[in-house]
């Protein structure tokens, strides 16, 4: 169970820092560790249900967080055309300015 908790912490950190390649790797590691742990228990052990619930909760949290991150990124990208209209091209000097040399 300690290995599962360790992977969970790493996975949460990867999701929060938007390291999506690491998220993908850690999701697979988490699921494999959960399966290995559940298979090591006797068939009627109540901890099997707890592991299943933990896995489902973790995967749902990851999905929600990744979706939110992607939606925030889309909103930021949609603002680029609006912002670009206020940024003058490189080397542009407004006509109202006069440079005395």
Protein backbone atom coordinates (compact mmCIF):
# COMPACT_ATOMS: atom_id res chain seq x y z
CA UNK A 1 0.00 0.00 0.00
CA UNK A 2 2.96 2.30 0.63
CA UNK A 3 4.00 2.03 -3.03
CA UNK A 4 0.48 2.97 -4.09
CA UNK A 5 0.50 6.02 -1.81
CA UNK A 6 3.88 7.09 -3.15
CA UNK A 7 2.70 6.84 -6.76
CA UNK A 8 -0.47 8.75 -5.84
CA UNK A 9 1.58 11.65 -4.46
CA UNK A 10 3.79 11.71 -7.56
CA UNK A 11 0.74 11.55 -9.82
CA UNK A 12 -1.01 14.42 -8.05
CA UNK A 13 2.16 16.50 -8.30
CA UNK A 14 2.50 15.75 -12.03
CA UNK A 15 -1.14 16.70 -12.68
CA UNK A 16 -0.82 19.91 -10.69
CA UNK A 17 2.33 20.93 -12.59
CA UNK A 18 0.81 19.92 -15.94
CA UNK A 19 3.49 17.36 -16.81
CA UNK A 20 1.18 15.29 -19.00
CA UNK A 21 3.70 12.72 -20.25
CA UNK A 22 4.54 11.99 -16.61
CA UNK A 23 0.81 11.87 -15.77
CA UNK A 24 0.27 9.22 -18.41
CA UNK A 25 3.17 7.13 -17.12
CA UNK A 26 2.09 7.48 -13.49
CA UNK A 27 -1.56 6.62 -14.20
CA UNK A 28 -0.42 3.32 -15.66
CA UNK A 29 1.94 2.73 -12.70
CA UNK A 30 -0.83 3.57 -10.24
CA UNK A 31 -3.29 1.17 -11.87
CA UNK A 32 -0.70 -1.62 -12.04
CA UNK A 33 0.27 -1.10 -8.38
CA UNK A 34 -3.40 -1.09 -7.34
CA UNK A 35 -4.03 -4.31 -9.26
CA UNK A 36 -0.93 -5.99 -7.83
CA UNK A 37 -1.90 -5.01 -4.30
CA UNK A 38 -5.53 -6.12 -4.74
CA UNK A 39 -4.44 -9.50 -6.15
CA UNK A 40 -2.16 -10.05 -3.16
CA UNK A 41 -5.15 -9.92 -0.79
CA UNK A 42 -7.56 -12.78 0.02
CA UNK A 43 -10.61 -12.82 -2.30
CA UNK A 44 -13.13 -11.47 0.24
CA UNK A 45 -10.87 -8.87 1.86
CA UNK A 46 -12.70 -5.51 2.24
CA UNK A 47 -9.50 -3.68 1.32
CA UNK A 48 -10.03 -4.79 -2.29
CA UNK A 49 -13.10 -2.57 -2.43
CA UNK A 50 -11.14 0.30 -0.85
CA UNK A 51 -8.42 -0.04 -3.49
CA UNK A 52 -11.04 0.01 -6.24
CA UNK A 53 -12.68 3.09 -4.77
CA UNK A 54 -9.29 4.81 -4.38
CA UNK A 55 -8.37 4.00 -7.98
CA UNK A 56 -11.68 5.30 -9.32
CA UNK A 57 -11.43 8.46 -7.22
CA UNK A 58 -7.85 9.07 -8.37
CA UNK A 59 -8.67 8.59 -12.04
CA UNK A 60 -11.71 10.86 -11.81
CA UNK A 61 -9.64 13.55 -10.06
CA UNK A 62 -6.93 13.31 -12.73
CA UNK A 63 -9.47 13.56 -15.52
CA UNK A 64 -11.19 16.58 -13.97
CA UNK A 65 -7.93 18.40 -13.32
CA UNK A 66 -6.57 17.74 -16.82
CA UNK A 67 -9.85 18.89 -18.38
CA UNK A 68 -9.78 22.09 -16.30
CA UNK A 69 -6.17 22.76 -17.31
CA UNK A 70 -7.00 22.27 -20.96
CA UNK A 71 -10.03 24.56 -20.74
CA UNK A 72 -7.92 27.29 -19.11
CA UNK A 73 -5.35 26.94 -21.88
CA UNK A 74 -8.05 27.23 -24.54
CA UNK A 75 -9.35 30.42 -22.92
CA UNK A 76 -5.83 31.87 -22.87
CA UNK A 77 -5.30 30.96 -26.53
CA UNK A 78 -8.58 32.62 -27.49
CA UNK A 79 -7.30 35.88 -26.00
CA UNK A 80 -4.23 36.02 -28.27
CA UNK A 81 -5.97 37.63 -31.28
CA UNK A 82 -7.50 40.28 -29.02
CA UNK A 83 -4.18 41.07 -27.35
CA UNK A 84 -2.20 41.05 -30.61
CA UNK A 85 -4.17 43.99 -31.96
CA UNK A 86 -2.72 46.17 -29.19
CA UNK A 87 0.90 45.12 -29.70
CA UNK A 88 2.68 47.17 -32.36
CA UNK A 89 4.90 45.35 -34.84
CA UNK A 90 8.62 45.21 -34.04
CA UNK A 91 10.43 48.40 -35.05
CA UNK A 92 7.20 50.38 -35.32
CA UNK A 93 7.40 53.99 -34.09
CA UNK A 94 4.03 55.72 -33.69
CA UNK A 95 3.59 58.82 -35.87
CA UNK A 96 2.97 61.02 -32.82
CA UNK A 97 6.55 60.52 -31.66
CA UNK A 98 9.38 62.66 -32.92
CA UNK A 99 13.02 61.77 -32.47
CA UNK A 100 15.55 64.63 -32.42
CA UNK A 101 19.05 63.55 -33.22
